[in-house]
Amino acid sequence: MLTLYYSKMSCAYAPHILLYDAGAEFTATSVDFETDEQNTPAFLAVNPKGRVPALVTPQGILTENPAILLYIAQSHPDKQLAPTDPFLLAQAQAFNMFIASTVHVAHAHRHRGYRWADDEAAQASMRAKVTENMTRYAQMIEDHYFIGPYVLGDRYSLCDPYLALIIRWFGGDGVELDHFPKLKQHDALMRARPSVQAVMPFYT
């Protein structure tokens, strides 16, 4: 049995979807960021970073989406959620790491600028760049990372819930999805999946 720690509106949305796709046995435990539950001793014992997602497995606790998504996929090989060819798997990981290290960080500048600067003017400058940066990354994904109809081509994979998360954020970041037909089609494809429909109520 696995336990996924998540919070509303968080990036735990991606592994939560993949757990359903994998047919995994798991429970989902909410962490209330509005009451600062992420910084309580009980949760910091799970994840000292005070962030979600965190996935409790029989072997130990995993954090960070690229690691969690890969673990879920490789723990359920019959679902074929990750490439088995080393190069193709590396390409999948390159996409997910790009989301984690670059796109997610650019999004966080809109509402978590305090992580990088104490000066309000600096934080305002970060917020002012969010739409420009996120639009540029949307174009990069549309032109260079996305094969279609799924991220890696015809087969759904561990990359697709992560992209679904980012597309979910685009509207609030000022990105016009109508300018990116491949991403808009992916969004519609994902929203029709039972796994996404099962998870959406947890993140509203």
C-alpha atoms as a PDB file:
ATOM      1  CA  MET A   1       0.000   0.000   0.000  1.00  0.00           C
ATOM      2  CA  LEU A   2       1.226   3.469  -0.936  1.00  0.00           C
ATOM      3  CA  THR A   3       0.331   6.795   0.678  1.00  0.00           C
ATOM      4  CA  LEU A   4       0.390  10.008  -1.342  1.00  0.00           C
ATOM      5  CA  TYR A   5       0.547  13.279   0.550  1.00  0.00           C
ATOM      6  CA  TYR A   6      -0.997  16.101  -1.461  1.00  0.00           C
ATOM      7  CA  SER A   7      -2.512  19.561  -1.064  1.00  0.00           C
ATOM      8  CA  LYS A   8      -5.095  21.482  -3.057  1.00  0.00           C
ATOM      9  CA  MET A   9      -3.785  23.176  -6.217  1.00  0.00           C
ATOM     10  CA  SER A  10      -0.396  21.469  -5.807  1.00  0.00           C
ATOM     11  CA  CYS A  11       1.831  19.589  -8.224  1.00  0.00           C
ATOM     12  CA  ALA A  12       0.850  16.340  -6.492  1.00  0.00           C
ATOM     13  CA  TYR A  13      -1.868  16.390  -9.154  1.00  0.00           C
ATOM     14  CA  ALA A  14       0.528  14.641 -11.578  1.00  0.00           C
ATOM     15  CA  PRO A  15       1.491  11.548  -9.527  1.00  0.00           C
ATOM     16  CA  HIS A  16      -2.060  11.338  -8.178  1.00  0.00           C
ATOM     17  CA  ILE A  17      -3.279  10.830 -11.754  1.00  0.00           C
ATOM     18  CA  LEU A  18      -0.561   8.294 -12.538  1.00  0.00           C
ATOM     19  CA  LEU A  19      -1.411   6.241  -9.448  1.00  0.00           C
ATOM     20  CA  TYR A  20      -4.907   5.783 -10.851  1.00  0.00           C
ATOM     21  CA  ASP A  21      -3.526   4.994 -14.307  1.00  0.00           C
ATOM     22  CA  ALA A  22      -1.246   2.364 -12.783  1.00  0.00           C
ATOM     23  CA  GLY A  23      -4.083   0.734 -10.866  1.00  0.00           C
ATOM     24  CA  ALA A  24      -2.002   1.146  -7.716  1.00  0.00           C
ATOM     25  CA  GLU A  25      -3.308   0.463  -4.237  1.00  0.00           C
ATOM     26  CA  PHE A  26      -2.913   3.758  -2.414  1.00  0.00           C
ATOM     27  CA  THR A  27      -4.420   6.204  -0.009  1.00  0.00           C
ATOM     28  CA  ALA A  28      -4.356   9.979  -0.461  1.00  0.00           C
ATOM     29  CA  THR A  29      -3.700  12.144   2.597  1.00  0.00           C
ATOM     30  CA  SER A  30      -4.371  15.870   2.419  1.00  0.00           C
ATOM     31  CA  VAL A  31      -1.913  18.382   3.866  1.00  0.00           C
ATOM     32  CA  ASP A  32      -3.598  21.703   4.660  1.00  0.00           C
ATOM     33  CA  PHE A  33      -1.260  24.476   3.561  1.00  0.00           C
ATOM     34  CA  GLU A  34      -3.748  27.122   4.702  1.00  0.00           C
ATOM     35  CA  THR A  35      -3.138  26.101   8.319  1.00  0.00           C
ATOM     36  CA  ASP A  36       0.613  25.581   7.748  1.00  0.00           C
ATOM     37  CA  GLU A  37       0.271  21.834   8.292  1.00  0.00           C
ATOM     38  CA  GLN A  38       3.246  21.287   5.976  1.00  0.00           C
ATOM     39  CA  ASN A  39       5.529  22.738   8.654  1.00  0.00           C
ATOM     40  CA  THR A  40       4.266  20.667  11.563  1.00  0.00           C
ATOM     41  CA  PRO A  41       6.615  18.098  13.115  1.00  0.00           C
ATOM     42  CA  ALA A  42       4.332  15.293  11.939  1.00  0.00           C
ATOM     43  CA  PHE A  43       4.612  16.219   8.273  1.00  0.00           C
ATOM     44  CA  LEU A  44       8.246  17.315   8.419  1.00  0.00           C
ATOM     45  CA  ALA A  45       8.980  13.759   9.564  1.00  0.00           C
ATOM     46  CA  VAL A  46       7.569  12.666   6.203  1.00  0.00           C
ATOM     47  CA  ASN A  47       9.206  15.386   4.095  1.00  0.00           C
ATOM     48  CA  PRO A  48      11.713  17.727   5.794  1.00  0.00           C
ATOM     49  CA  LYS A  49      11.280  20.146   2.870  1.00  0.00           C
ATOM     50  CA  GLY A  50       7.701  20.799   3.964  1.00  0.00           C
ATOM     51  CA  ARG A  51       6.340  20.269   0.462  1.00  0.00           C
ATOM     52  CA  VAL A  52       4.133  17.903  -1.463  1.00  0.00           C
ATOM     53  CA  PRO A  53       3.978  15.475  -3.071  1.00  0.00           C
ATOM     54  CA  ALA A  54       5.507  12.867  -0.850  1.00  0.00           C
ATOM     55  CA  LEU A  55       4.929   9.193  -1.537  1.00  0.00           C
ATOM     56  CA  VAL A  56       5.300   6.655   1.246  1.00  0.00           C
ATOM     57  CA  THR A  57       6.338   3.292  -0.184  1.00  0.00           C
ATOM     58  CA  PRO A  58       7.265  -0.030   1.452  1.00  0.00           C
ATOM     59  CA  GLN A  59      10.924   0.832   0.801  1.00  0.00           C
ATOM     60  CA  GLY A  60      10.784   4.376   2.161  1.00  0.00           C
ATOM     61  CA  ILE A  61       9.600   7.874   1.291  1.00  0.00           C
ATOM     62  CA  LEU A  62      10.024   9.522  -2.095  1.00  0.00           C
ATOM     63  CA  THR A  63       9.768  13.219  -2.896  1.00  0.00           C
ATOM     64  CA  GLU A  64      10.087  15.237  -6.143  1.00  0.00           C
ATOM     65  CA  ASN A  65       7.759  14.558  -9.049  1.00  0.00           C
ATOM     66  CA  PRO A  66      10.248  13.099 -11.561  1.00  0.00           C
ATOM     67  CA  ALA A  67      11.314  10.481  -9.008  1.00  0.00           C
ATOM     68  CA  ILE A  68       7.778   9.685  -7.879  1.00  0.00           C
ATOM     69  CA  LEU A  69       6.395   9.425 -11.404  1.00  0.00           C
ATOM     70  CA  LEU A  70       9.210   7.103 -12.461  1.00  0.00           C
ATOM     71  CA  TYR A  71       8.734   4.929  -9.372  1.00  0.00           C
ATOM     72  CA  ILE A  72       5.011   4.544 -10.041  1.00  0.00           C
ATOM     73  CA  ALA A  73       5.604   3.667 -13.692  1.00  0.00           C
ATOM     74  CA  GLN A  74       8.386   1.169 -13.040  1.00  0.00           C
ATOM     75  CA  SER A  75       6.504  -0.429 -10.138  1.00  0.00           C
ATOM     76  CA  HIS A  76       3.644  -1.279 -12.513  1.00  0.00           C
ATOM     77  CA  PRO A  77       5.445  -2.431 -15.669  1.00  0.00           C
ATOM     78  CA  ASP A  78       2.367  -4.145 -17.071  1.00  0.00           C
ATOM     79  CA  LYS A  79       0.777  -0.723 -17.597  1.00  0.00           C
ATOM     80  CA  GLN A  80       3.675   0.385 -19.857  1.00  0.00           C
ATOM     81  CA  LEU A  81       3.739   3.917 -18.427  1.00  0.00           C
ATOM     82  CA  ALA A  82       7.458   4.438 -19.058  1.00  0.00           C
ATOM     83  CA  PRO A  83       9.699   3.476 -21.991  1.00  0.00           C
ATOM     84  CA  THR A  84      11.929   0.471 -21.424  1.00  0.00           C
ATOM     85  CA  ASP A  85      14.543   1.517 -23.991  1.00  0.00           C
ATOM     86  CA  PRO A  86      17.293   3.416 -22.094  1.00  0.00           C
ATOM     87  CA  PHE A  87      17.469   6.308 -24.556  1.00  0.00           C
ATOM     88  CA  LEU A  88      13.698   6.762 -24.770  1.00  0.00           C
ATOM     89  CA  LEU A  89      13.447   6.624 -20.985  1.00  0.00           C
ATOM     90  CA  ALA A  90      16.155   9.277 -20.749  1.00  0.00           C
ATOM     91  CA  GLN A  91      14.153  11.449 -23.149  1.00  0.00           C
ATOM     92  CA  ALA A  92      11.074  11.027 -20.956  1.00  0.00           C
ATOM     93  CA  GLN A  93      13.085  11.974 -17.896  1.00  0.00           C
ATOM     94  CA  ALA A  94      14.564  14.971 -19.702  1.00  0.00           C
ATOM     95  CA  PHE A  95      11.035  16.250 -20.312  1.00  0.00           C
ATOM     96  CA  ASN A  96       9.929  15.720 -16.715  1.00  0.00           C
ATOM     97  CA  MET A  97      13.090  17.305 -15.354  1.00  0.00           C
ATOM     98  CA  PHE A  98      12.591  20.312 -17.617  1.00  0.00           C
ATOM     99  CA  ILE A  99       9.101  20.691 -16.149  1.00  0.00           C
ATOM    100  CA  ALA A 100      10.436  20.366 -12.598  1.00  0.00           C
ATOM    101  CA  SER A 101      13.554  22.500 -12.835  1.00  0.00           C
ATOM    102  CA  THR A 102      12.456  25.238 -15.230  1.00  0.00           C
ATOM    103  CA  VAL A 103       8.729  25.447 -15.958  1.00  0.00           C
ATOM    104  CA  HIS A 104       7.523  24.831 -12.409  1.00  0.00           C
ATOM    105  CA  VAL A 105      10.033  27.335 -11.037  1.00  0.00           C
ATOM    106  CA  ALA A 106       8.902  29.993 -13.524  1.00  0.00           C
ATOM    107  CA  HIS A 107       5.298  29.399 -12.450  1.00  0.00           C
ATOM    108  CA  ALA A 108       6.251  29.694  -8.781  1.00  0.00           C
ATOM    109  CA  HIS A 109       7.620  33.186  -9.377  1.00  0.00           C
ATOM    110  CA  ARG A 110       3.988  34.375  -9.610  1.00  0.00           C
ATOM    111  CA  HIS A 111       3.074  33.566  -6.014  1.00  0.00           C
ATOM    112  CA  ARG A 112       6.206  32.337  -4.235  1.00  0.00           C
ATOM    113  CA  GLY A 113       8.776  34.987  -5.095  1.00  0.00           C
ATOM    114  CA  TYR A 114       9.638  35.192  -1.404  1.00  0.00           C
ATOM    115  CA  ARG A 115      11.613  32.001  -1.845  1.00  0.00           C
ATOM    116  CA  TRP A 116      14.191  33.906  -3.904  1.00  0.00           C
ATOM    117  CA  ALA A 117      14.020  37.492  -2.692  1.00  0.00           C
ATOM    118  CA  ASP A 118      12.908  39.463   0.364  1.00  0.00           C
ATOM    119  CA  ASP A 119      12.626  42.724  -1.540  1.00  0.00           C
ATOM    120  CA  GLU A 120       9.039  43.394  -2.679  1.00  0.00           C
ATOM    121  CA  ALA A 121      10.222  45.166  -5.829  1.00  0.00           C
ATOM    122  CA  ALA A 122      12.255  42.100  -6.789  1.00  0.00           C
ATOM    123  CA  GLN A 123       9.257  39.852  -6.185  1.00  0.00           C
ATOM    124  CA  ALA A 124       7.087  42.154  -8.310  1.00  0.00           C
ATOM    125  CA  SER A 125       9.659  41.946 -11.084  1.00  0.00           C
ATOM    126  CA  MET A 126       9.493  38.144 -10.931  1.00  0.00           C
ATOM    127  CA  ARG A 127       5.700  38.230 -11.167  1.00  0.00           C
ATOM    128  CA  ALA A 128       5.881  40.555 -14.147  1.00  0.00           C
ATOM    129  CA  LYS A 129       7.950  37.982 -16.080  1.00  0.00           C
ATOM    130  CA  VAL A 130       5.706  34.976 -15.445  1.00  0.00           C
ATOM    131  CA  THR A 131       3.437  35.307 -18.490  1.00  0.00           C
ATOM    132  CA  GLU A 132       6.374  35.922 -20.819  1.00  0.00           C
ATOM    133  CA  ASN A 133       8.381  33.006 -19.441  1.00  0.00           C
ATOM    134  CA  MET A 134       5.515  30.540 -19.294  1.00  0.00           C
ATOM    135  CA  THR A 135       4.418  31.444 -22.817  1.00  0.00           C
ATOM    136  CA  ARG A 136       7.947  30.837 -24.057  1.00  0.00           C
ATOM    137  CA  TYR A 137       8.044  27.447 -22.346  1.00  0.00           C
ATOM    138  CA  ALA A 138       4.638  26.533 -23.774  1.00  0.00           C
ATOM    139  CA  GLN A 139       6.025  27.293 -27.230  1.00  0.00           C
ATOM    140  CA  MET A 140       9.119  25.221 -26.517  1.00  0.00           C
ATOM    141  CA  ILE A 141       7.027  22.230 -25.465  1.00  0.00           C
ATOM    142  CA  GLU A 142       4.683  22.641 -28.450  1.00  0.00           C
ATOM    143  CA  ASP A 143       7.561  22.881 -30.952  1.00  0.00           C
ATOM    144  CA  HIS A 144      10.309  20.668 -29.549  1.00  0.00           C
ATOM    145  CA  TYR A 145       9.168  18.298 -26.798  1.00  0.00           C
ATOM    146  CA  PHE A 146       5.688  17.251 -27.862  1.00  0.00           C
ATOM    147  CA  ILE A 147       5.211  14.460 -30.421  1.00  0.00           C
ATOM    148  CA  GLY A 148       1.456  13.895 -30.113  1.00  0.00           C
ATOM    149  CA  PRO A 149      -1.180  12.987 -29.368  1.00  0.00           C
ATOM    150  CA  TYR A 150       0.680  12.306 -26.113  1.00  0.00           C
ATOM    151  CA  VAL A 151       4.018  13.767 -25.082  1.00  0.00           C
ATOM    152  CA  LEU A 152       6.043  10.789 -26.313  1.00  0.00           C
ATOM    153  CA  GLY A 153       3.817   9.890 -29.243  1.00  0.00           C
ATOM    154  CA  ASP A 154       0.981   7.404 -29.531  1.00  0.00           C
ATOM    155  CA  ARG A 155       1.464   5.853 -26.089  1.00  0.00           C
ATOM    156  CA  TYR A 156       0.366   7.520 -22.863  1.00  0.00           C
ATOM    157  CA  SER A 157       3.227   7.793 -20.381  1.00  0.00           C
ATOM    158  CA  LEU A 158       4.483   9.227 -17.102  1.00  0.00           C
ATOM    159  CA  CYS A 159       5.074  12.526 -18.913  1.00  0.00           C
ATOM    160  CA  ASP A 160       1.424  13.208 -19.673  1.00  0.00           C
ATOM    161  CA  PRO A 161       0.094  13.864 -16.150  1.00  0.00           C
ATOM    162  CA  TYR A 162       3.003  16.252 -15.589  1.00  0.00           C
ATOM    163  CA  LEU A 163       2.160  18.189 -18.748  1.00  0.00           C
ATOM    164  CA  ALA A 164      -1.524  18.169 -17.736  1.00  0.00           C
ATOM    165  CA  LEU A 165      -0.522  19.860 -14.494  1.00  0.00           C
ATOM    166  CA  ILE A 166       1.381  22.614 -16.301  1.00  0.00           C
ATOM    167  CA  ILE A 167      -1.423  23.203 -18.794  1.00  0.00           C
ATOM    168  CA  ARG A 168      -3.776  23.496 -15.815  1.00  0.00           C
ATOM    169  CA  TRP A 169      -1.585  26.339 -14.522  1.00  0.00           C
ATOM    170  CA  PHE A 170      -1.224  28.165 -17.845  1.00  0.00           C
ATOM    171  CA  GLY A 171      -4.485  30.095 -17.603  1.00  0.00           C
ATOM    172  CA  GLY A 172      -3.620  31.676 -14.270  1.00  0.00           C
ATOM    173  CA  ASP A 173      -0.167  32.494 -15.605  1.00  0.00           C
ATOM    174  CA  GLY A 174      -1.616  34.431 -18.523  1.00  0.00           C
ATOM    175  CA  VAL A 175      -0.800  31.895 -21.241  1.00  0.00           C
ATOM    176  CA  GLU A 176      -3.349  31.787 -24.076  1.00  0.00           C
ATOM    177  CA  LEU A 177      -3.858  28.078 -24.720  1.00  0.00           C
ATOM    178  CA  ASP A 178      -5.611  28.824 -28.019  1.00  0.00           C
ATOM    179  CA  HIS A 179      -2.189  29.769 -29.404  1.00  0.00           C
ATOM    180  CA  PHE A 180      -0.930  26.216 -28.808  1.00  0.00           C
ATOM    181  CA  PRO A 181      -3.166  23.720 -30.639  1.00  0.00           C
ATOM    182  CA  LYS A 182      -1.155  20.631 -29.681  1.00  0.00           C
ATOM    183  CA  LEU A 183      -1.277  21.518 -26.007  1.00  0.00           C
ATOM    184  CA  LYS A 184      -4.974  22.375 -26.220  1.00  0.00           C
ATOM    185  CA  GLN A 185      -5.676  18.987 -27.798  1.00  0.00           C
ATOM    186  CA  HIS A 186      -3.629  17.287 -25.079  1.00  0.00           C
ATOM    187  CA  ASP A 187      -5.637  19.117 -22.417  1.00  0.00           C
ATOM    188  CA  ALA A 188      -8.908  17.862 -23.905  1.00  0.00           C
ATOM    189  CA  LEU A 189      -7.519  14.336 -24.198  1.00  0.00           C
ATOM    190  CA  MET A 190      -6.408  14.330 -20.570  1.00  0.00           C
ATOM    191  CA  ARG A 191      -9.630  15.770 -19.190  1.00  0.00           C
ATOM    192  CA  ALA A 192     -11.520  12.857 -20.766  1.00  0.00           C
ATOM    193  CA  ARG A 193      -9.434  10.257 -18.930  1.00  0.00           C
ATOM    194  CA  PRO A 194     -11.101   8.533 -15.934  1.00  0.00           C
ATOM    195  CA  SER A 195      -7.916   8.994 -13.894  1.00  0.00           C
ATOM    196  CA  VAL A 196      -7.983  12.763 -14.366  1.00  0.00           C
ATOM    197  CA  GLN A 197     -11.705  12.942 -13.608  1.00  0.00           C
ATOM    198  CA  ALA A 198     -11.114  10.973 -10.408  1.00  0.00           C
ATOM    199  CA  VAL A 199      -8.366  13.304  -9.250  1.00  0.00           C
ATOM    200  CA  MET A 200      -9.788  16.717 -10.186  1.00  0.00           C
ATOM    201  CA  PRO A 201     -12.070  17.046  -7.122  1.00  0.00           C
ATOM    202  CA  PHE A 202      -9.036  16.798  -4.842  1.00  0.00           C
ATOM    203  CA  TYR A 203      -7.441  19.897  -6.445  1.00  0.00           C
ATOM    204  CA  THR A 204     -10.234  22.459  -6.591  1.00  0.00           C
END
